[in-house]
Amino acid sequence: MKQNKKAVEALAYFERTLGPFTLGRALASIRETEGYTLARFAKKLGVSRAHLCDVERGRRGVSAERAARWAKVLGHPPQVFVALALQDEVTAAGLKLKVSVEAA
């Protein structure tokens, strides 16, 4: 998936100021932008409020399969959510690798 220059610059700024972009941060951003409460957003995703809170705060990871399902529910590209979920796992393992995902 090719990113445009403005998107790359925005992500670089985000990571410089707030730290790495994670699936949890992406979900929190979507939830807040769309005006959902944590409980209502968790219900939409089919998980408990506590589970979603743990994901948003980086205390719990998400499988690639679940990330793809959530992307579909929220109307976002699955490759973005899957890449973020896999990157979170790679980062948690202490590996200095960058994950990239493309549609097959």
C-alpha atoms as a PDB file:
ATOM      1  CA  MET A   1       0.000   0.000   0.000  1.00  0.00           C
ATOM      2  CA  LYS A   2       1.517   3.267  -1.145  1.00  0.00           C
ATOM      3  CA  GLN A   3       1.230   6.179   1.277  1.00  0.00           C
ATOM      4  CA  ASN A   4       1.041   9.792   0.225  1.00  0.00           C
ATOM      5  CA  LYS A   5       3.634  12.297   1.410  1.00  0.00           C
ATOM      6  CA  LYS A   6       1.268  14.146   3.787  1.00  0.00           C
ATOM      7  CA  ALA A   7       0.218  10.878   5.473  1.00  0.00           C
ATOM      8  CA  VAL A   8       3.864   9.872   5.958  1.00  0.00           C
ATOM      9  CA  GLU A   9       4.705  13.311   7.398  1.00  0.00           C
ATOM     10  CA  ALA A  10       1.688  13.211   9.720  1.00  0.00           C
ATOM     11  CA  LEU A  11       2.661   9.765  11.016  1.00  0.00           C
ATOM     12  CA  ALA A  12       6.267  10.872  11.556  1.00  0.00           C
ATOM     13  CA  TYR A  13       5.063  13.902  13.527  1.00  0.00           C
ATOM     14  CA  PHE A  14       2.691  11.734  15.588  1.00  0.00           C
ATOM     15  CA  GLU A  15       5.472   9.294  16.461  1.00  0.00           C
ATOM     16  CA  ARG A  16       7.940  12.076  17.348  1.00  0.00           C
ATOM     17  CA  THR A  17       5.489  13.757  19.697  1.00  0.00           C
ATOM     18  CA  LEU A  18       3.402  10.871  21.103  1.00  0.00           C
ATOM     19  CA  GLY A  19       5.474   7.737  20.534  1.00  0.00           C
ATOM     20  CA  PRO A  20       4.904   4.811  18.203  1.00  0.00           C
ATOM     21  CA  PHE A  21       1.574   4.557  16.413  1.00  0.00           C
ATOM     22  CA  THR A  22      -0.107   1.400  17.687  1.00  0.00           C
ATOM     23  CA  LEU A  23      -3.383  -0.359  17.009  1.00  0.00           C
ATOM     24  CA  GLY A  24      -4.561   0.737  20.450  1.00  0.00           C
ATOM     25  CA  ARG A  25      -3.808   4.382  19.705  1.00  0.00           C
ATOM     26  CA  ALA A  26      -5.507   4.083  16.325  1.00  0.00           C
ATOM     27  CA  LEU A  27      -8.633   2.621  17.938  1.00  0.00           C
ATOM     28  CA  ALA A  28      -8.686   5.296  20.643  1.00  0.00           C
ATOM     29  CA  SER A  29      -8.326   7.985  18.002  1.00  0.00           C
ATOM     30  CA  ILE A  30     -11.166   6.558  15.901  1.00  0.00           C
ATOM     31  CA  ARG A  31     -13.368   6.147  18.979  1.00  0.00           C
ATOM     32  CA  GLU A  32     -12.776   9.692  20.203  1.00  0.00           C
ATOM     33  CA  THR A  33     -13.118  11.247  16.734  1.00  0.00           C
ATOM     34  CA  GLU A  34     -16.424   9.487  16.161  1.00  0.00           C
ATOM     35  CA  GLY A  35     -17.717  10.403  19.634  1.00  0.00           C
ATOM     36  CA  TYR A  36     -18.099   6.893  21.051  1.00  0.00           C
ATOM     37  CA  THR A  37     -17.843   6.083  24.732  1.00  0.00           C
ATOM     38  CA  LEU A  38     -15.464   3.272  25.609  1.00  0.00           C
ATOM     39  CA  ALA A  39     -18.411   1.014  26.489  1.00  0.00           C
ATOM     40  CA  ARG A  40     -20.322   1.707  23.270  1.00  0.00           C
ATOM     41  CA  PHE A  41     -17.245   1.260  21.083  1.00  0.00           C
ATOM     42  CA  ALA A  42     -16.359  -2.007  22.853  1.00  0.00           C
ATOM     43  CA  LYS A  43     -19.880  -3.282  22.219  1.00  0.00           C
ATOM     44  CA  LYS A  44     -19.549  -2.393  18.527  1.00  0.00           C
ATOM     45  CA  LEU A  45     -16.314  -4.415  18.381  1.00  0.00           C
ATOM     46  CA  GLY A  46     -17.797  -7.328  20.350  1.00  0.00           C
ATOM     47  CA  VAL A  47     -15.474  -7.121  23.355  1.00  0.00           C
ATOM     48  CA  SER A  48     -15.742  -5.962  26.946  1.00  0.00           C
ATOM     49  CA  ARG A  49     -15.016  -2.403  27.965  1.00  0.00           C
ATOM     50  CA  ALA A  50     -12.060  -3.632  30.046  1.00  0.00           C
ATOM     51  CA  HIS A  51     -10.627  -5.539  27.080  1.00  0.00           C
ATOM     52  CA  LEU A  52     -10.836  -2.494  24.803  1.00  0.00           C
ATOM     53  CA  CYS A  53      -9.304  -0.293  27.492  1.00  0.00           C
ATOM     54  CA  ASP A  54      -6.373  -2.723  27.770  1.00  0.00           C
ATOM     55  CA  VAL A  55      -5.885  -2.695  23.986  1.00  0.00           C
ATOM     56  CA  GLU A  56      -6.028   1.106  23.783  1.00  0.00           C
ATOM     57  CA  ARG A  57      -3.463   1.440  26.575  1.00  0.00           C
ATOM     58  CA  GLY A  58      -1.132  -1.185  25.098  1.00  0.00           C
ATOM     59  CA  ARG A  59      -1.599  -3.709  27.902  1.00  0.00           C
ATOM     60  CA  ARG A  60      -3.129  -6.302  25.578  1.00  0.00           C
ATOM     61  CA  GLY A  61      -2.399  -7.282  22.002  1.00  0.00           C
ATOM     62  CA  VAL A  62      -4.784  -8.165  19.200  1.00  0.00           C
ATOM     63  CA  SER A  63      -4.447 -11.038  16.735  1.00  0.00           C
ATOM     64  CA  ALA A  64      -4.186 -10.296  13.033  1.00  0.00           C
ATOM     65  CA  GLU A  65      -7.527 -12.049  12.513  1.00  0.00           C
ATOM     66  CA  ARG A  66      -9.290  -9.909  15.108  1.00  0.00           C
ATOM     67  CA  ALA A  67      -7.633  -6.748  13.768  1.00  0.00           C
ATOM     68  CA  ALA A  68      -8.999  -7.530  10.291  1.00  0.00           C
ATOM     69  CA  ARG A  69     -12.470  -8.168  11.721  1.00  0.00           C
ATOM     70  CA  TRP A  70     -12.422  -4.867  13.626  1.00  0.00           C
ATOM     71  CA  ALA A  71     -11.282  -3.000  10.512  1.00  0.00           C
ATOM     72  CA  LYS A  72     -14.258  -4.403   8.623  1.00  0.00           C
ATOM     73  CA  VAL A  73     -16.681  -3.457  11.416  1.00  0.00           C
ATOM     74  CA  LEU A  74     -15.282   0.085  11.508  1.00  0.00           C
ATOM     75  CA  GLY A  75     -15.030   0.502   7.734  1.00  0.00           C
ATOM     76  CA  HIS A  76     -11.241   0.831   7.597  1.00  0.00           C
ATOM     77  CA  PRO A  77      -8.691  -0.987   5.404  1.00  0.00           C
ATOM     78  CA  PRO A  78      -7.852  -4.341   7.011  1.00  0.00           C
ATOM     79  CA  GLN A  79      -4.201  -4.177   5.947  1.00  0.00           C
ATOM     80  CA  VAL A  80      -3.707  -1.088   8.138  1.00  0.00           C
ATOM     81  CA  PHE A  81      -5.171  -2.695  11.274  1.00  0.00           C
ATOM     82  CA  VAL A  82      -3.379  -6.005  10.621  1.00  0.00           C
ATOM     83  CA  ALA A  83      -0.047  -4.227  10.080  1.00  0.00           C
ATOM     84  CA  LEU A  84      -0.488  -2.299  13.339  1.00  0.00           C
ATOM     85  CA  ALA A  85      -1.420  -5.476  15.271  1.00  0.00           C
ATOM     86  CA  LEU A  86       1.596  -7.345  13.898  1.00  0.00           C
ATOM     87  CA  GLN A  87       3.890  -4.369  14.523  1.00  0.00           C
ATOM     88  CA  ASP A  88       2.707  -4.240  18.138  1.00  0.00           C
ATOM     89  CA  GLU A  89       3.619  -7.916  18.521  1.00  0.00           C
ATOM     90  CA  VAL A  90       7.047  -7.464  16.902  1.00  0.00           C
ATOM     91  CA  THR A  91       7.776  -4.406  19.054  1.00  0.00           C
ATOM     92  CA  ALA A  92       6.676  -6.218  22.231  1.00  0.00           C
ATOM     93  CA  ALA A  93       9.133  -9.006  21.365  1.00  0.00           C
ATOM     94  CA  GLY A  94      11.924  -6.427  21.344  1.00  0.00           C
ATOM     95  CA  LEU A  95      12.667  -6.903  17.670  1.00  0.00           C
ATOM     96  CA  LYS A  96      13.916  -3.892  15.736  1.00  0.00           C
ATOM     97  CA  LEU A  97      11.848  -4.687  12.638  1.00  0.00           C
ATOM     98  CA  LYS A  98       9.225  -2.784  10.662  1.00  0.00           C
ATOM     99  CA  VAL A  99       6.115  -4.661   9.518  1.00  0.00           C
ATOM    100  CA  SER A 100       4.548  -4.050   6.125  1.00  0.00           C
ATOM    101  CA  VAL A 101       1.319  -5.660   4.886  1.00  0.00           C
ATOM    102  CA  GLU A 102      -0.177  -5.564   1.389  1.00  0.00           C
ATOM    103  CA  ALA A 103      -3.401  -6.966   0.044  1.00  0.00           C
ATOM    104  CA  ALA A 104      -2.920 -10.270  -1.786  1.00  0.00           C
END
